[in-house]
Protein backbone atom coordinates (compact mmCIF):
# COMPACT_ATOMS: atom_id res chain seq x y z
CA UNK A 1 11.25 32.40 -16.41
CA UNK A 2 8.24 30.33 -15.30
CA UNK A 3 7.77 26.76 -16.53
CA UNK A 4 4.52 24.83 -16.85
CA UNK A 5 3.35 23.28 -13.59
CA UNK A 6 3.56 19.48 -13.63
CA UNK A 7 0.17 17.93 -12.94
CA UNK A 8 -0.65 14.31 -12.23
CA UNK A 9 -4.03 12.61 -11.90
CA UNK A 10 -4.90 10.17 -9.11
CA UNK A 11 -7.98 8.28 -8.02
CA UNK A 12 -9.73 4.93 -7.71
CA UNK A 13 -10.00 2.59 -10.66
CA UNK A 14 -12.93 3.42 -12.99
CA UNK A 15 -13.56 6.85 -11.44
CA UNK A 16 -12.39 8.60 -14.61
CA UNK A 17 -8.62 9.32 -14.41
CA UNK A 18 -7.81 8.28 -17.98
CA UNK A 19 -11.06 9.71 -19.32
CA UNK A 20 -10.19 13.09 -17.78
CA UNK A 21 -6.78 13.18 -19.46
CA UNK A 22 -8.33 12.08 -22.76
CA UNK A 23 -11.03 14.74 -22.44
CA UNK A 24 -8.46 17.48 -21.78
CA UNK A 25 -6.37 16.35 -24.76
CA UNK A 26 -9.28 16.02 -27.17
CA UNK A 27 -10.83 19.33 -26.13
CA UNK A 28 -7.61 21.22 -26.60
CA UNK A 29 -6.66 19.72 -29.97
CA UNK A 30 -7.86 21.94 -32.80
CA UNK A 31 -6.35 21.45 -36.24
CA UNK A 32 -4.60 24.43 -37.87
CA UNK A 33 -4.84 26.53 -34.74
CA UNK A 34 -1.76 28.02 -33.13
CA UNK A 35 -1.14 26.89 -29.61
CA UNK A 36 -2.74 23.48 -29.90
CA UNK A 37 -1.76 20.70 -27.50
CA UNK A 38 1.82 19.44 -27.75
CA UNK A 39 2.82 15.87 -26.99
CA UNK A 40 6.01 15.15 -25.09
CA UNK A 41 7.32 11.84 -23.79
CA UNK A 42 5.02 10.83 -20.96
CA UNK A 43 3.32 14.21 -20.91
CA UNK A 44 0.78 16.42 -22.64
CA UNK A 45 1.49 20.13 -22.78
CA UNK A 46 -1.44 22.53 -23.01
CA UNK A 47 -0.07 25.95 -24.03
CA UNK A 48 -1.38 29.17 -22.45
CA UNK A 49 -2.94 30.21 -25.77
CA UNK A 50 -5.13 27.10 -25.75
CA UNK A 51 -6.21 27.72 -22.14
CA UNK A 52 -7.12 31.30 -23.08
CA UNK A 53 -9.19 30.11 -26.02
CA UNK A 54 -11.00 27.39 -24.11
CA UNK A 55 -11.66 29.37 -20.95
CA UNK A 56 -11.92 32.93 -22.29
CA UNK A 57 -15.21 33.87 -20.57
CA UNK A 58 -14.24 32.32 -17.24
CA UNK A 59 -10.73 33.89 -17.29
CA UNK A 60 -12.34 37.27 -17.89
CA UNK A 61 -14.90 36.74 -15.15
CA UNK A 62 -12.32 35.81 -12.48
CA UNK A 63 -9.81 38.39 -13.80
CA UNK A 64 -7.02 35.84 -14.20
CA UNK A 65 -3.78 37.22 -15.67
CA UNK A 66 -2.19 34.18 -17.32
CA UNK A 67 1.57 34.18 -16.65
CA UNK A 68 2.57 30.53 -16.94
CA UNK A 69 3.38 29.18 -20.42
CA UNK A 70 0.83 26.39 -20.05
CA UNK A 71 0.05 23.18 -18.15
CA UNK A 72 2.00 19.94 -18.39
CA UNK A 73 -0.10 16.85 -17.61
CA UNK A 74 1.82 13.69 -16.76
CA UNK A 75 0.30 10.92 -18.89
CA UNK A 76 1.36 8.10 -16.56
CA UNK A 77 -1.92 7.22 -14.87
CA UNK A 78 -2.64 7.31 -11.18
CA UNK A 79 -0.22 6.25 -8.48
CA UNK A 80 2.49 5.32 -11.00
CA UNK A 81 3.28 9.00 -11.44
CA UNK A 82 3.72 9.41 -7.72
CA UNK A 83 5.72 6.24 -7.20
CA UNK A 84 8.05 7.06 -10.10
CA UNK A 85 8.23 10.84 -10.47
CA UNK A 86 10.17 12.26 -7.57
CA UNK A 87 12.91 14.78 -7.04
CA UNK A 88 14.94 15.80 -4.05
CA UNK A 89 12.68 16.85 -1.21
CA UNK A 90 9.45 15.30 -2.49
CA UNK A 91 7.34 14.43 -5.45
CA UNK A 92 7.90 15.92 -8.87
CA UNK A 93 4.25 16.86 -9.42
CA UNK A 94 3.43 20.47 -8.51
CA UNK A 95 -0.33 19.90 -8.34
CA UNK A 96 -2.51 16.81 -8.43
CA UNK A 97 -6.07 16.22 -9.52
CA UNK A 98 -7.92 13.68 -7.38
CA UNK A 99 -10.70 12.16 -9.48
CA UNK A 100 -13.65 10.83 -7.45
CA UNK A 101 -16.93 9.35 -8.62
CA UNK A 102 -19.55 11.53 -6.90
CA UNK A 103 -21.87 8.54 -6.63
CA UNK A 104 -19.29 6.22 -4.99
CA UNK A 105 -17.25 8.59 -2.83
CA UNK A 106 -14.03 7.45 -1.18
CA UNK A 107 -12.80 4.03 -2.24
CA UNK A 108 -9.61 2.21 -1.11
CA UNK A 109 -7.41 3.63 -3.88
CA UNK A 110 -8.86 7.12 -3.29
CA UNK A 111 -7.90 6.87 0.37
CA UNK A 112 -4.44 5.64 -0.60
CA UNK A 113 -4.09 8.58 -3.01
CA UNK A 114 -5.08 11.05 -0.25
CA UNK A 115 -2.44 9.57 2.08
CA UNK A 116 0.19 9.90 -0.67
CA UNK A 117 -0.77 13.52 -1.33
CA UNK A 118 -0.61 14.33 2.38
CA UNK A 119 2.75 12.58 2.71
CA UNK A 120 4.31 14.66 -0.09
CA UNK A 121 2.39 17.83 0.93
CA UNK A 122 1.22 18.13 -2.69
CA UNK A 123 -1.63 20.61 -3.26
CA UNK A 124 -4.57 19.11 -5.09
CA UNK A 125 -7.95 19.81 -6.62
CA UNK A 126 -10.82 17.33 -6.48
CA UNK A 127 -12.60 16.54 -9.75
CA UNK A 128 -15.95 15.22 -8.46
CA UNK A 129 -16.84 13.30 -11.59
CA UNK A 130 -19.97 11.69 -13.09
CA UNK A 131 -22.55 14.30 -12.09
CA UNK A 132 -24.31 13.31 -15.33
CA UNK A 133 -25.25 10.00 -13.64
CA UNK A 134 -27.40 11.81 -11.07
CA UNK A 135 -30.93 10.73 -11.94
CA UNK A 136 -32.60 13.37 -14.14
CA UNK A 137 -29.44 15.38 -14.93
CA UNK A 138 -29.43 17.15 -18.31
CA UNK A 139 -26.06 18.48 -19.48
CA UNK A 140 -25.88 21.66 -21.55
CA UNK A 141 -22.40 22.00 -23.11
CA UNK A 142 -23.06 25.62 -24.12
CA UNK A 143 -23.31 26.77 -20.50
CA UNK A 144 -20.68 27.25 -17.83
CA UNK A 145 -20.72 24.70 -15.00
CA UNK A 146 -22.48 26.99 -12.51
CA UNK A 147 -25.06 28.01 -15.13
CA UNK A 148 -25.57 24.35 -16.01
CA UNK A 149 -26.15 23.51 -12.33
CA UNK A 150 -28.58 26.41 -11.91
CA UNK A 151 -30.66 25.17 -14.89
CA UNK A 152 -31.22 21.76 -13.31
CA UNK A 153 -34.45 21.14 -11.39
CA UNK A 154 -34.43 21.87 -7.65
CA UNK A 155 -34.57 18.14 -6.65
CA UNK A 156 -31.49 17.44 -8.82
CA UNK A 157 -29.62 20.45 -7.40
CA UNK A 158 -30.46 19.20 -3.90
CA UNK A 159 -29.10 15.74 -4.68
CA UNK A 160 -25.88 17.30 -6.05
CA UNK A 161 -25.47 19.44 -2.91
CA UNK A 162 -26.14 16.49 -0.63
CA UNK A 163 -23.64 14.23 -2.40
CA UNK A 164 -21.00 16.95 -2.50
CA UNK A 165 -21.27 17.75 1.19
CA UNK A 166 -21.24 14.08 2.09
CA UNK A 167 -17.88 14.00 0.29
CA UNK A 168 -16.75 17.17 2.12
CA UNK A 169 -17.52 15.30 5.35
CA UNK A 170 -15.50 12.27 4.23
CA UNK A 171 -12.48 14.48 3.47
CA UNK A 172 -12.83 16.16 6.87
CA UNK A 173 -12.21 12.76 8.52
CA UNK A 174 -8.72 12.95 7.02
CA UNK A 175 -8.14 16.40 8.48
CA UNK A 176 -8.85 18.14 5.15
CA UNK A 177 -11.14 21.15 4.77
CA UNK A 178 -12.81 21.51 1.38
CA UNK A 179 -15.64 23.21 -0.48
CA UNK A 180 -16.96 23.78 -3.98
CA UNK A 181 -14.36 25.75 -5.95
CA UNK A 182 -16.47 28.94 -6.18
CA UNK A 183 -17.13 28.95 -2.41
CA UNK A 184 -13.53 28.53 -1.25
CA UNK A 185 -12.48 31.54 0.82
CA UNK A 186 -8.82 30.56 1.39
CA UNK A 187 -7.11 28.25 -1.10
CA UNK A 188 -4.20 27.73 1.31
CA UNK A 189 -6.54 26.12 3.85
CA UNK A 190 -9.33 24.60 1.75
CA UNK A 191 -9.29 22.08 -1.09
CA UNK A 192 -11.36 23.20 -4.09
CA UNK A 193 -13.90 20.69 -5.43
CA UNK A 194 -15.02 20.95 -9.04
CA UNK A 195 -18.21 18.98 -9.82
CA UNK A 196 -17.70 17.49 -13.28
CA UNK A 197 -18.97 15.34 -16.06
CA UNK A 198 -15.88 14.25 -17.96
CA UNK A 199 -18.17 12.51 -20.45
CA UNK A 200 -19.90 15.80 -21.40
CA UNK A 201 -16.89 18.02 -20.58
CA UNK A 202 -18.94 19.90 -17.96
CA UNK A 203 -16.62 21.55 -15.44
CA UNK A 204 -13.52 21.09 -17.60
CA UNK A 205 -12.94 24.84 -18.04
CA UNK A 206 -13.47 25.43 -14.32
CA UNK A 207 -10.93 22.70 -13.48
CA UNK A 208 -8.29 24.14 -15.82
CA UNK A 209 -8.79 27.70 -14.53
CA UNK A 210 -8.71 26.56 -10.87
CA UNK A 211 -5.43 24.69 -11.42
CA UNK A 212 -3.91 27.60 -13.35
CA UNK A 213 -4.94 30.12 -10.70
CA UNK A 214 -3.58 27.98 -7.86
CA UNK A 215 -0.27 27.43 -9.65
CA UNK A 216 0.25 31.13 -10.36
CA UNK A 217 -0.77 32.35 -6.93
CA UNK A 218 0.88 29.83 -4.65
CA UNK A 219 3.57 27.99 -6.64
CA UNK A 220 5.34 30.79 -8.48
CA UNK A 221 8.66 30.14 -6.72
CA UNK A 222 8.45 26.42 -7.53
CA UNK A 223 7.87 27.21 -11.19
CA UNK A 224 10.89 29.47 -11.65
CA UNK A 225 13.25 27.60 -13.96
CA UNK A 226 16.74 28.03 -15.37
CA UNK A 227 16.41 27.18 -19.06
CA UNK A 228 20.09 27.82 -19.77
CA UNK A 229 21.69 25.69 -17.05
CA UNK A 230 22.29 21.91 -17.07
CA UNK A 231 19.08 19.89 -17.10
CA UNK A 232 17.69 18.00 -14.13
CA UNK A 233 15.06 15.32 -14.51
CA UNK A 234 13.53 12.05 -13.37
CA UNK A 235 13.41 8.74 -15.24
CA UNK A 236 9.79 7.93 -16.06
CA UNK A 237 10.33 4.65 -17.92
CA UNK A 238 13.09 2.39 -19.25
CA UNK A 239 12.19 0.41 -22.37
CA UNK A 240 13.34 -1.18 -25.59
CA UNK A 241 12.72 1.05 -28.62
CA UNK A 242 12.90 -0.44 -32.11
CA UNK A 243 16.06 0.68 -33.91
CA UNK A 244 17.48 2.36 -30.78
CA UNK A 245 17.82 -0.41 -28.20
CA UNK A 246 17.32 0.51 -24.54
CA UNK A 247 16.02 4.08 -24.16
CA UNK A 248 14.81 6.15 -21.24
CA UNK A 249 11.76 8.42 -21.05
CA UNK A 250 12.60 11.41 -18.88
CA UNK A 251 10.68 14.32 -17.42
CA UNK A 252 12.98 17.37 -17.49
CA UNK A 253 11.92 19.79 -14.75
CA UNK A 254 14.86 22.23 -14.81
CA UNK A 255 17.46 23.44 -17.30
CA UNK A 256 18.37 22.36 -20.83
CA UNK A 257 19.61 19.10 -22.35
CA UNK A 258 21.29 18.80 -25.78
CA UNK A 259 22.34 15.98 -28.07
CA UNK A 260 25.94 15.05 -27.18
CA UNK A 261 25.64 16.14 -23.51
CA UNK A 262 27.22 13.94 -20.84
CA UNK A 263 24.57 12.85 -18.35
CA UNK A 264 24.72 11.22 -14.94
CA UNK A 265 21.97 8.91 -13.68
CA UNK A 266 21.41 7.73 -10.11
CA UNK A 267 21.74 4.04 -9.32
CA UNK A 268 21.46 1.74 -6.29
CA UNK A 269 25.12 0.81 -6.82
CA UNK A 270 27.04 3.75 -8.28
CA UNK A 271 26.02 6.61 -10.62
CA UNK A 272 25.85 5.79 -14.34
CA UNK A 273 27.71 8.26 -16.58
CA UNK A 274 26.97 8.22 -20.32
CA UNK A 275 26.53 10.50 -23.35
CA UNK A 276 23.28 11.47 -25.12
CA UNK A 277 23.28 9.84 -28.56
CA UNK A 278 19.83 11.12 -29.54
CA UNK A 279 16.93 13.15 -28.15
CA UNK A 280 13.48 12.31 -29.46
CA UNK A 281 9.91 13.52 -29.15
CA UNK A 282 6.75 11.97 -30.61
CA UNK A 283 5.38 12.99 -33.95
CA UNK A 284 2.52 15.54 -33.50
CA UNK A 285 -0.74 14.29 -31.95
CA UNK A 286 0.46 10.74 -31.28
CA UNK A 287 -0.26 8.98 -28.02
CA UNK A 288 2.70 8.59 -25.70
CA UNK A 289 1.75 5.26 -24.16
CA UNK A 290 1.24 3.64 -27.61
CA UNK A 291 3.67 2.89 -30.43
CA UNK A 292 4.34 6.48 -31.41
CA UNK A 293 6.62 7.65 -34.21
CA UNK A 294 9.50 9.78 -32.96
CA UNK A 295 11.22 12.85 -34.35
CA UNK A 296 14.83 13.71 -33.42
CA UNK A 297 15.54 17.09 -31.81
CA UNK A 298 18.77 18.83 -30.87
CA UNK A 299 17.75 20.14 -27.47
CA UNK A 300 14.92 20.19 -24.92
CA UNK A 301 14.19 22.68 -22.15
CA UNK A 302 12.16 22.39 -18.95
CA UNK A 303 9.48 21.49 -18.32
CA UNK A 304 8.93 18.69 -20.79
CA UNK A 305 9.28 15.00 -21.49
CA UNK A 306 11.90 13.57 -23.81
CA UNK A 307 13.18 10.15 -24.93
CA UNK A 308 16.94 9.69 -24.59
CA UNK A 309 19.03 7.19 -26.53
CA UNK A 310 22.45 6.58 -24.99
CA UNK A 311 24.91 3.73 -24.30
CA UNK A 312 24.94 1.76 -21.01
CA UNK A 313 21.29 2.23 -20.04
CA UNK A 314 20.66 -1.47 -19.28
CA UNK A 315 20.78 -1.05 -15.49
CA UNK A 316 18.86 2.23 -15.26
CA UNK A 317 15.84 2.12 -12.91
CA UNK A 318 12.61 4.12 -13.27
CA UNK A 319 12.32 6.86 -10.68
CA UNK A 320 16.05 7.61 -10.59
CA UNK A 321 17.32 11.20 -10.91
CA UNK A 322 19.13 12.38 -14.04
CA UNK A 323 21.17 15.50 -14.67
CA UNK A 324 23.40 16.93 -17.36
CA UNK A 325 26.96 16.93 -16.04
CA UNK A 326 28.32 20.30 -14.97
CA UNK A 327 31.00 19.22 -12.48
CA UNK A 328 31.32 15.42 -12.64
CA UNK A 329 32.66 14.72 -9.14
CA UNK A 330 30.29 17.17 -7.49
CA UNK A 331 27.34 15.85 -9.51
CA UNK A 332 28.22 12.25 -8.56
CA UNK A 333 28.28 13.17 -4.88
CA UNK A 334 25.01 15.12 -5.01
CA UNK A 335 23.11 12.51 -7.01
CA UNK A 336 24.22 9.74 -4.64
CA UNK A 337 23.05 11.82 -1.67
CA UNK A 338 19.70 12.13 -3.41
CA UNK A 339 19.49 8.33 -3.78
CA UNK A 340 20.41 7.76 -0.14
CA UNK A 341 17.39 9.83 0.88
CA UNK A 342 15.15 7.04 -0.38
CA UNK A 343 17.17 3.96 0.49
CA UNK A 344 15.25 1.63 2.78
CA UNK A 345 16.27 0.95 6.38
CA UNK A 346 16.27 -2.81 6.82
CA UNK A 347 16.31 -5.01 9.91
CA UNK A 348 17.97 -8.27 10.96
CA UNK A 349 14.69 -10.16 10.58
CA UNK A 350 11.78 -9.39 8.27
CA UNK A 351 10.13 -9.99 4.90
CA UNK A 352 11.62 -9.46 1.42
CA UNK A 353 10.23 -6.56 -0.63
CA UNK A 354 10.57 -6.03 -4.39
CA UNK A 355 9.14 -3.16 -6.49
CA UNK A 356 9.41 -1.84 -10.03
CA UNK A 357 10.72 1.64 -9.16
CA UNK A 358 12.65 3.36 -6.37
CA UNK A 359 9.63 5.56 -5.63
CA UNK A 360 7.34 2.54 -5.40
CA UNK A 361 9.82 0.84 -3.06
CA UNK A 362 9.85 3.95 -0.88
CA UNK A 363 6.04 4.09 -0.76
CA UNK A 364 5.82 0.37 0.04
CA UNK A 365 8.42 0.70 2.79
CA UNK A 366 6.42 3.46 4.46
CA UNK A 367 3.16 1.53 4.24
CA UNK A 368 4.63 -1.71 5.62
CA UNK A 369 6.28 0.09 8.52
CA UNK A 370 2.99 1.82 9.36
CA UNK A 371 1.55 -1.70 9.80
CA UNK A 372 4.56 -2.88 11.87
CA UNK A 373 5.75 -5.27 9.17
CA UNK A 374 9.59 -5.49 9.35
CA UNK A 375 11.69 -5.56 6.18
CA UNK A 376 14.93 -7.55 5.92
CA UNK A 377 15.64 -6.98 2.22
CA UNK A 378 14.29 -4.36 -0.19
CA UNK A 379 15.29 -4.00 -3.83
CA UNK A 380 14.06 -3.23 -7.34
CA UNK A 381 13.29 -5.68 -10.12
CA UNK A 382 11.89 -9.17 -10.62
CA UNK A 383 11.78 -11.76 -7.84
CA UNK A 384 14.85 -13.95 -8.29
CA UNK A 385 15.93 -17.45 -7.27
CA UNK A 386 18.22 -15.86 -4.68
CA UNK A 387 15.30 -13.91 -3.16
CA UNK A 388 13.31 -17.13 -2.74
CA UNK A 389 16.18 -19.18 -1.30
CA UNK A 390 17.06 -16.45 1.21
CA UNK A 391 13.42 -15.97 2.25
CA UNK A 392 12.92 -19.72 2.78
CA UNK A 393 15.47 -19.55 5.62
CA UNK A 394 13.29 -17.05 7.50
CA UNK A 395 10.92 -18.09 10.26
CA UNK A 396 7.17 -17.61 10.72
CA UNK A 397 5.72 -14.35 9.42
CA UNK A 398 9.07 -13.34 7.89
CA UNK A 399 8.90 -16.20 5.37
CA UNK A 400 7.22 -13.92 2.83
CA UNK A 401 8.07 -11.98 -0.33
CA UNK A 402 6.03 -8.93 -1.31
CA UNK A 403 6.19 -7.83 -4.94
CA UNK A 404 4.67 -4.54 -6.14
CA UNK A 405 4.24 -4.39 -9.94
CA UNK A 406 6.89 -7.10 -10.43
CA UNK A 407 6.81 -10.82 -11.30
CA UNK A 408 8.91 -13.93 -10.71
CA UNK A 409 11.74 -14.50 -13.15
CA UNK A 410 11.98 -17.83 -15.00
CA UNK A 411 14.50 -19.40 -12.58
CA UNK A 412 12.45 -18.55 -9.49
CA UNK A 413 9.23 -19.91 -11.02
CA UNK A 414 10.81 -23.37 -11.23
CA UNK A 415 11.61 -23.57 -7.50
CA UNK A 416 9.43 -25.98 -5.54
CA UNK A 417 8.10 -25.31 -2.03
CA UNK A 418 8.23 -21.51 -2.29
CA UNK A 419 7.68 -19.19 0.69
CA UNK A 420 4.54 -17.04 0.73
CA UNK A 421 4.66 -14.68 -2.29
CA UNK A 422 2.29 -11.70 -2.57
CA UNK A 423 2.17 -10.06 -6.01
CA UNK A 424 -0.04 -6.99 -6.45
CA UNK A 425 -0.37 -3.96 -8.72
CA UNK A 426 -2.46 -2.09 -6.13
CA UNK A 427 -0.47 -1.18 -3.05
CA UNK A 428 -3.27 -1.30 -0.46
CA UNK A 429 -4.14 -4.87 -1.52
CA UNK A 430 -0.66 -5.96 -0.38
CA UNK A 431 -1.53 -5.05 3.22
CA UNK A 432 -4.92 -6.78 2.95
CA UNK A 433 -3.39 -9.98 1.57
CA UNK A 434 -0.51 -9.97 4.05
CA UNK A 435 -2.96 -9.39 6.92
CA UNK A 436 -5.10 -12.35 5.86
CA UNK A 437 -2.03 -14.60 5.49
CA UNK A 438 -0.71 -13.42 8.87
CA UNK A 439 -3.98 -14.39 10.58
CA UNK A 440 -3.96 -17.82 8.95
CA UNK A 441 -0.28 -18.36 9.80
CA UNK A 442 -0.66 -17.23 13.41
CA UNK A 443 -3.70 -19.48 13.86
CA UNK A 444 -1.77 -22.41 12.36
CA UNK A 445 1.26 -21.76 14.57
CA UNK A 446 -0.93 -21.53 17.69
CA UNK A 447 -2.58 -24.82 16.79
CA UNK A 448 0.87 -26.37 16.36
CA UNK A 449 2.02 -24.94 19.71
CA UNK A 450 -1.09 -26.28 21.42
CA UNK A 451 -0.47 -29.72 19.98
CA UNK A 452 2.94 -29.70 21.66
CA UNK A 453 1.55 -28.69 25.06
CA UNK A 454 -0.42 -30.52 27.75
CA UNK A 455 -3.95 -29.15 27.84
CA UNK A 456 -5.23 -27.96 31.23
CA UNK A 457 -7.84 -30.26 32.83
CA UNK A 458 -9.57 -30.95 36.15
CA UNK A 459 -11.34 -34.28 36.75
CA UNK A 460 -13.29 -35.93 39.57
CA UNK A 461 -13.35 -39.67 40.34
CA UNK A 462 -17.01 -40.68 40.33
CA UNK A 463 -18.44 -42.55 43.37
CA UNK A 464 -19.38 -46.17 42.68
CA UNK A 465 -17.34 -46.29 39.49
CA UNK A 466 -14.22 -48.24 40.50
CA UNK A 467 -13.74 -50.97 37.88
CA UNK A 468 -10.24 -52.09 38.96
CA UNK A 469 -8.24 -51.03 42.03
CA UNK A 470 -4.71 -51.19 40.54
CA UNK A 471 -2.28 -52.36 37.80
CA UNK A 472 -3.69 -50.12 36.34
CA UNK A 473 -6.52 -48.63 38.32
CA UNK A 474 -9.61 -48.23 36.14
CA UNK A 475 -12.19 -45.71 37.35
CA UNK A 476 -15.05 -43.63 36.04
CA UNK A 477 -14.42 -39.87 36.03
CA UNK A 478 -16.11 -36.64 34.98
CA UNK A 479 -14.19 -33.84 33.29
CA UNK A 480 -15.05 -30.83 35.48
CA UNK A 481 -13.17 -28.30 33.31
CA UNK A 482 -10.66 -28.24 30.45
CA UNK A 483 -9.53 -30.93 28.02
CA UNK A 484 -8.34 -34.31 29.32
CA UNK A 485 -5.77 -36.01 27.07
CA UNK A 486 -4.23 -39.47 26.96
CA UNK A 487 -0.72 -39.56 28.44
CA UNK A 488 -1.19 -36.58 30.76
CA UNK A 489 0.38 -36.72 34.23
CA UNK A 490 -2.21 -36.08 36.97
CA UNK A 491 -1.58 -34.32 40.28
CA UNK A 492 -3.44 -33.99 43.56
CA UNK A 493 -3.63 -30.90 45.78
CA UNK A 494 -1.62 -31.12 49.01
CA UNK A 495 -0.34 -28.61 51.56
CA UNK A 496 2.79 -28.44 49.38
CA UNK A 497 0.78 -27.54 46.27
CA UNK A 498 0.06 -29.98 43.43
CA UNK A 499 1.91 -33.29 43.68
CA UNK A 500 2.06 -35.66 40.72
CA UNK A 501 0.67 -39.12 41.57
CA UNK A 502 -0.24 -40.92 38.35
CA UNK A 503 -0.27 -41.00 34.56
CA UNK A 504 -3.40 -41.40 32.46
CA UNK A 505 -2.84 -44.34 30.10
CA UNK A 506 -6.13 -44.64 28.20
CA UNK A 507 -9.60 -43.09 27.95
CA UNK A 508 -12.71 -45.08 27.04
CA UNK A 509 -16.16 -43.79 26.18
CA UNK A 510 -18.82 -46.49 25.80
CA UNK A 511 -16.02 -49.08 25.45
CA UNK A 512 -14.41 -47.10 22.58
CA UNK A 513 -10.85 -45.82 23.07
CA UNK A 514 -10.64 -42.04 22.58
CA UNK A 515 -7.72 -39.62 22.75
CA UNK A 516 -9.35 -36.81 24.72
CA UNK A 517 -12.45 -35.84 26.69
CA UNK A 518 -13.89 -32.37 27.31
CA UNK A 519 -15.83 -30.57 30.03
CA UNK A 520 -18.98 -32.48 31.09
CA UNK A 521 -17.95 -35.84 29.62
CA UNK A 522 -18.05 -38.92 31.86
CA UNK A 523 -15.55 -41.58 30.78
CA UNK A 524 -13.51 -44.50 32.10
CA UNK A 525 -9.76 -43.98 32.53
CA UNK A 526 -6.80 -46.25 33.24
CA UNK A 527 -4.33 -44.80 35.79
CA UNK A 528 -0.84 -46.22 36.39
CA UNK A 529 1.12 -46.54 39.69
CA UNK A 530 -1.87 -45.90 41.98
CA UNK A 531 -4.26 -48.02 44.03
CA UNK A 532 -7.82 -46.95 44.71
CA UNK A 533 -8.22 -46.52 48.46
CA UNK A 534 -4.57 -45.53 48.97
CA UNK A 535 -3.24 -42.76 46.69
CA UNK A 536 -6.69 -42.01 45.23
CA UNK A 537 -10.27 -42.54 46.33
CA UNK A 538 -13.78 -41.91 45.08
CA UNK A 539 -14.66 -38.20 44.92
CA UNK A 540 -11.00 -37.05 44.56
CA UNK A 541 -10.20 -34.05 42.33
CA UNK A 542 -7.13 -34.38 40.08
CA UNK A 543 -5.44 -31.79 37.86
CA UNK A 544 -3.24 -32.04 34.78
CA UNK A 545 0.26 -31.51 36.13
CA UNK A 546 1.30 -28.30 34.28
CA UNK A 547 4.87 -27.03 34.70
CA UNK A 548 5.64 -23.33 35.16
CA UNK A 549 7.02 -23.06 31.57
CA UNK A 550 3.94 -24.81 30.15
CA UNK A 551 1.73 -22.51 32.21
CA UNK A 552 3.42 -19.41 30.76
CA UNK A 553 3.11 -20.71 27.18
CA UNK A 554 -0.56 -21.57 27.70
CA UNK A 555 -1.17 -18.05 29.03
CA UNK A 556 0.29 -16.64 25.80
CA UNK A 557 -2.12 -18.86 23.85
CA UNK A 558 -5.16 -18.07 25.96
CA UNK A 559 -6.95 -16.73 22.90
CA UNK A 560 -6.76 -20.22 21.40
CA UNK A 561 -7.91 -22.27 24.39
CA UNK A 562 -11.42 -22.68 25.80
CA UNK A 563 -12.85 -20.69 28.74
CA UNK A 564 -13.02 -23.91 30.78
CA UNK A 565 -9.26 -24.45 30.27
CA UNK A 566 -8.61 -20.89 31.44
CA UNK A 567 -10.58 -21.66 34.63
CA UNK A 568 -8.32 -24.69 35.27
CA UNK A 569 -5.18 -22.58 34.69
CA UNK A 570 -6.39 -20.04 37.25
CA UNK A 571 -7.07 -22.79 39.79
CA UNK A 572 -3.65 -24.39 39.22
CA UNK A 573 -1.84 -21.05 39.64
CA UNK A 574 -3.85 -20.30 42.80
CA UNK A 575 -2.89 -23.67 44.35
CA UNK A 576 0.80 -23.41 43.39
CA UNK A 577 1.14 -19.81 44.61
CA UNK A 578 0.14 -20.77 48.14
CA UNK A 579 3.67 -22.12 48.48
CA UNK A 580 5.43 -19.99 45.81
CA UNK A 581 3.80 -16.54 45.32
CA UNK A 582 5.61 -15.90 42.02
CA UNK A 583 4.88 -19.30 40.45
CA UNK A 584 4.18 -18.93 36.73
CA UNK A 585 4.75 -15.17 36.74
């Protein structure tokens, strides 16, 4: 027996994901007609009879023999369906619809969605929405999409073609071949694009028929289901339901579940075993994501969504697998193996990661590792006091907590002097925010490192500018290159390399004491333990006496020091390597 294909909708915010689902639901709901849309927990089922009624002319034209019992649209919007709905070996969705605003093209969340689809190898159709916003477009709801396009003026058709093929070019950059749905020659190699106006329902029939045809032709083996065997499913949501306590919304993708069945649910610790107290579905035509009224049922078969009331659901996590127990010990072993497939590999040092579901944690782990961001701890749920205390002991860029669709609990909010905490509901923004913080932190750490180091400098004692010969010697100098700082030890070039001869006590500029002087400045300096005419004389060149270790550290920070300081470093290394060829290497 074939089940309905599970379909989820992805795309950038405001491109029309929710509107598309609403449009499909509203179009297919007809009072007093057999085969109208059915609501399940977290899903909307469009029976085959409804598809036949809506798309009769198009089905006849393309000679589509409808075999599947209908289409099951996951109501959870966007990436949430992909981060939560998974089963062994990949994502639960059989097909996805990528909604894109034809006038805006690829946006950050669209790109993220494409990467997710590629990662899970999920086939998808592009709904190129908002063609009605093309200047001059006139929608005719009585015509098919292609007829509607043909009735537009030539300039409007040209704009549509141009925008569509610009989008085809954008997809090609991601290694994806695509074309308008009616021009696709091989659906296994090309992604069909359906130009649409969700607002006027233009292209809706074509989208439904394209999805149905793809599912029947290429996913038949995936859709074969055992409706008599024990159910398998995925937890969509865990929530408090009035009168029932903690309940779980589950998508059942295989088998049958009955009231009274023993079920096993995956967990990060050990599998949870409990018994179904009640199975519920919404009252007809109610919205799943609102406060729907629920009707009890005795059993549910795949593919559908159902609410389960049972004891001991407090620690259940969205995204975890569920199955009706057949062989308890075997089921425990298999379900734990399934969990281990998505457990995160952590390192000795790294950031702390928290997410709302196991699937979201998995997606976040992959994204962070792609950007070479190490993870020390990864878990599900709110950010706790323990998370903050542990993260505060980390160093540098590891002193950070990333939270995806989670918040701080009450205890953790009260902690003072928190580490960096990044909270986002859009996954790509986490990388952007972390990247910005990393740049700021690295710049701050380099500044701190520089403050601890002697800055490279080269000075020349100016002729006719000896103000005192000794105790201390006071002379006029010019900074030839680098940054001259108070307290630096100064060295003179000899046949044995640079030899330290004095320490700079003070710097004066126009009788004002300053802490440092830069290239081109002429200032007076006080030098200890030297006498002009003996150890130093007018015209001498002196260098900041940089040790090998300081030289290596300054080389690492060369992006933070001036070009004139780099020149001094090169001169110092050249002088020192005359005696020791590997000095500073």
